[in-house]
Amino acid sequence: KKHFVASLKVLVGFSSIYYIIITLLKIFICTPIPKIWVHNLPGKCLNSNAIFIADCVIFLVTDFVILSLPLPVIWGLQMPVRHKINSSFALVIGAMHVPYPYILHPH
């Protein structure tokens, strides 16, 4: 239980810091900010493709970590192995949705 709580705290801390940074990075990707949609303005932009790909990869990894965190807890419960397998399978089914937005609508 201590490892699970510690893992959750690390995940929440990492995700919070990461999403603050990536949000600011996406807001200020171009200088001046309107250059992102008005391409002929003077100024410069960061490589938006690299930023969006990195964001997608980190988002996918954190989703899989979130879905895998309960597995050790499930397997530590006192219940029949069949129920543990079914519970784990439900999480795997949930994990199958994670890559679809990036396959169907790549940036």
C-alpha atoms as a PDB file:
ATOM      1  CA  LYS A   1       0.000   0.000   0.000  1.00  0.00           C
ATOM      2  CA  LYS A   2       2.848   2.417   0.779  1.00  0.00           C
ATOM      3  CA  HIS A   3       4.358   1.822  -2.672  1.00  0.00           C
ATOM      4  CA  PHE A   4       0.991   2.435  -4.319  1.00  0.00           C
ATOM      5  CA  VAL A   5       0.462   5.736  -2.480  1.00  0.00           C
ATOM      6  CA  ALA A   6       4.046   6.824  -3.193  1.00  0.00           C
ATOM      7  CA  SER A   7       3.589   5.944  -6.884  1.00  0.00           C
ATOM      8  CA  LEU A   8       0.395   7.984  -7.000  1.00  0.00           C
ATOM      9  CA  LYS A   9       2.113  10.990  -5.429  1.00  0.00           C
ATOM     10  CA  VAL A  10       4.986  10.796  -7.916  1.00  0.00           C
ATOM     11  CA  LEU A  11       2.559  10.453 -10.821  1.00  0.00           C
ATOM     12  CA  VAL A  12       0.411  13.389  -9.674  1.00  0.00           C
ATOM     13  CA  GLY A  13       3.498  15.540  -9.079  1.00  0.00           C
ATOM     14  CA  PHE A  14       5.049  14.692 -12.442  1.00  0.00           C
ATOM     15  CA  SER A  15       1.772  15.149 -14.314  1.00  0.00           C
ATOM     16  CA  SER A  16       1.031  18.483 -12.646  1.00  0.00           C
ATOM     17  CA  ILE A  17       4.445  19.931 -13.399  1.00  0.00           C
ATOM     18  CA  TYR A  18       4.493  18.500 -16.917  1.00  0.00           C
ATOM     19  CA  TYR A  19       1.044  19.781 -17.889  1.00  0.00           C
ATOM     20  CA  ILE A  20       1.773  23.265 -16.568  1.00  0.00           C
ATOM     21  CA  ILE A  21       4.980  23.368 -18.617  1.00  0.00           C
ATOM     22  CA  ILE A  22       3.437  21.941 -21.800  1.00  0.00           C
ATOM     23  CA  THR A  23       0.442  24.298 -21.569  1.00  0.00           C
ATOM     24  CA  LEU A  24       2.718  27.327 -21.266  1.00  0.00           C
ATOM     25  CA  LEU A  25       4.898  25.984 -24.072  1.00  0.00           C
ATOM     26  CA  LYS A  26       1.884  25.595 -26.360  1.00  0.00           C
ATOM     27  CA  ILE A  27       0.604  29.078 -25.492  1.00  0.00           C
ATOM     28  CA  PHE A  28       3.965  30.733 -26.121  1.00  0.00           C
ATOM     29  CA  ILE A  29       5.104  28.498 -29.004  1.00  0.00           C
ATOM     30  CA  CYS A  30       5.435  31.585 -31.208  1.00  0.00           C
ATOM     31  CA  THR A  31       6.754  35.054 -30.510  1.00  0.00           C
ATOM     32  CA  PRO A  32       4.572  37.065 -30.963  1.00  0.00           C
ATOM     33  CA  ILE A  33       1.726  34.694 -30.011  1.00  0.00           C
ATOM     34  CA  PRO A  34      -0.524  35.551 -33.046  1.00  0.00           C
ATOM     35  CA  LYS A  35       2.218  34.243 -35.381  1.00  0.00           C
ATOM     36  CA  ILE A  36       0.926  30.720 -34.782  1.00  0.00           C
ATOM     37  CA  TRP A  37      -2.132  31.466 -36.949  1.00  0.00           C
ATOM     38  CA  VAL A  38      -0.825  34.444 -39.007  1.00  0.00           C
ATOM     39  CA  HIS A  39       2.261  32.962 -40.633  1.00  0.00           C
ATOM     40  CA  ASN A  40       3.490  36.111 -42.399  1.00  0.00           C
ATOM     41  CA  LEU A  41       3.992  38.049 -39.140  1.00  0.00           C
ATOM     42  CA  PRO A  42       7.608  38.732 -38.232  1.00  0.00           C
ATOM     43  CA  GLY A  43       8.858  36.605 -35.369  1.00  0.00           C
ATOM     44  CA  LYS A  44       9.790  33.018 -34.730  1.00  0.00           C
ATOM     45  CA  CYS A  45       8.154  29.780 -33.636  1.00  0.00           C
ATOM     46  CA  LEU A  46       9.439  26.644 -31.979  1.00  0.00           C
ATOM     47  CA  ASN A  47       9.107  23.313 -33.770  1.00  0.00           C
ATOM     48  CA  SER A  48       5.420  22.633 -33.104  1.00  0.00           C
ATOM     49  CA  ASN A  49       5.529  19.108 -34.549  1.00  0.00           C
ATOM     50  CA  ALA A  50       8.237  18.061 -32.096  1.00  0.00           C
ATOM     51  CA  ILE A  51       6.322  19.596 -29.186  1.00  0.00           C
ATOM     52  CA  PHE A  52       3.044  17.908 -30.127  1.00  0.00           C
ATOM     53  CA  ILE A  53       4.706  14.522 -30.733  1.00  0.00           C
ATOM     54  CA  ALA A  54       6.508  14.704 -27.379  1.00  0.00           C
ATOM     55  CA  ASP A  55       3.231  15.672 -25.717  1.00  0.00           C
ATOM     56  CA  CYS A  56       1.437  12.710 -27.305  1.00  0.00           C
ATOM     57  CA  VAL A  57       4.149  10.265 -26.238  1.00  0.00           C
ATOM     58  CA  ILE A  58       4.185  11.486 -22.640  1.00  0.00           C
ATOM     59  CA  PHE A  59       0.373  11.494 -22.550  1.00  0.00           C
ATOM     60  CA  LEU A  60       0.280   7.880 -23.773  1.00  0.00           C
ATOM     61  CA  VAL A  61       2.900   6.776 -21.245  1.00  0.00           C
ATOM     62  CA  THR A  62       1.124   8.460 -18.332  1.00  0.00           C
ATOM     63  CA  ASP A  63      -2.202   6.910 -19.398  1.00  0.00           C
ATOM     64  CA  PHE A  64      -0.673   3.426 -19.433  1.00  0.00           C
ATOM     65  CA  VAL A  65       0.990   4.042 -16.064  1.00  0.00           C
ATOM     66  CA  ILE A  66      -2.313   5.210 -14.578  1.00  0.00           C
ATOM     67  CA  LEU A  67      -4.075   2.107 -15.889  1.00  0.00           C
ATOM     68  CA  SER A  68      -1.330  -0.250 -14.681  1.00  0.00           C
ATOM     69  CA  LEU A  69      -1.022   1.162 -11.144  1.00  0.00           C
ATOM     70  CA  PRO A  70      -3.984  -0.819  -9.733  1.00  0.00           C
ATOM     71  CA  LEU A  71      -2.713  -4.181 -11.058  1.00  0.00           C
ATOM     72  CA  PRO A  72      -0.451  -5.025  -8.080  1.00  0.00           C
ATOM     73  CA  VAL A  73      -3.284  -4.040  -5.733  1.00  0.00           C
ATOM     74  CA  ILE A  74      -5.727  -6.303  -7.592  1.00  0.00           C
ATOM     75  CA  TRP A  75      -3.320  -9.246  -7.500  1.00  0.00           C
ATOM     76  CA  GLY A  76      -2.742  -8.705  -3.774  1.00  0.00           C
ATOM     77  CA  LEU A  77      -6.442  -9.046  -2.940  1.00  0.00           C
ATOM     78  CA  GLN A  78      -7.815 -12.184  -1.345  1.00  0.00           C
ATOM     79  CA  MET A  79     -10.154 -13.327  -4.087  1.00  0.00           C
ATOM     80  CA  PRO A  80     -10.149 -16.145  -6.623  1.00  0.00           C
ATOM     81  CA  VAL A  81      -7.580 -15.950  -9.412  1.00  0.00           C
ATOM     82  CA  ARG A  82     -10.414 -15.915 -11.951  1.00  0.00           C
ATOM     83  CA  HIS A  83     -11.738 -12.644 -10.473  1.00  0.00           C
ATOM     84  CA  LYS A  84      -8.231 -11.167 -10.482  1.00  0.00           C
ATOM     85  CA  ILE A  85      -7.856 -12.067 -14.165  1.00  0.00           C
ATOM     86  CA  ASN A  86     -11.267 -10.573 -14.991  1.00  0.00           C
ATOM     87  CA  SER A  87     -10.461  -7.363 -13.102  1.00  0.00           C
ATOM     88  CA  SER A  88      -7.085  -7.073 -14.813  1.00  0.00           C
ATOM     89  CA  PHE A  89      -8.718  -7.735 -18.176  1.00  0.00           C
ATOM     90  CA  ALA A  90     -11.146  -4.866 -17.562  1.00  0.00           C
ATOM     91  CA  LEU A  91      -8.171  -2.523 -17.120  1.00  0.00           C
ATOM     92  CA  VAL A  92      -6.557  -3.879 -20.298  1.00  0.00           C
ATOM     93  CA  ILE A  93      -9.782  -3.206 -22.211  1.00  0.00           C
ATOM     94  CA  GLY A  94      -9.730   0.335 -20.825  1.00  0.00           C
ATOM     95  CA  ALA A  95      -6.116   0.726 -21.929  1.00  0.00           C
ATOM     96  CA  MET A  96      -7.023  -0.165 -25.495  1.00  0.00           C
ATOM     97  CA  HIS A  97      -8.724   3.221 -25.964  1.00  0.00           C
ATOM     98  CA  VAL A  98      -5.557   5.170 -25.174  1.00  0.00           C
ATOM     99  CA  PRO A  99      -3.831   5.200 -28.611  1.00  0.00           C
ATOM    100  CA  TYR A 100      -6.978   5.639 -30.731  1.00  0.00           C
ATOM    101  CA  PRO A 101      -7.155   9.456 -30.703  1.00  0.00           C
ATOM    102  CA  TYR A 102      -3.573   9.582 -31.970  1.00  0.00           C
ATOM    103  CA  ILE A 103      -4.153   6.953 -34.645  1.00  0.00           C
ATOM    104  CA  LEU A 104      -7.401   8.475 -35.913  1.00  0.00           C
ATOM    105  CA  HIS A 105      -6.413  12.161 -35.642  1.00  0.00           C
ATOM    106  CA  PRO A 106      -2.629  12.527 -35.709  1.00  0.00           C
ATOM    107  CA  HIS A 107      -1.255  16.040 -35.205  1.00  0.00           C
END
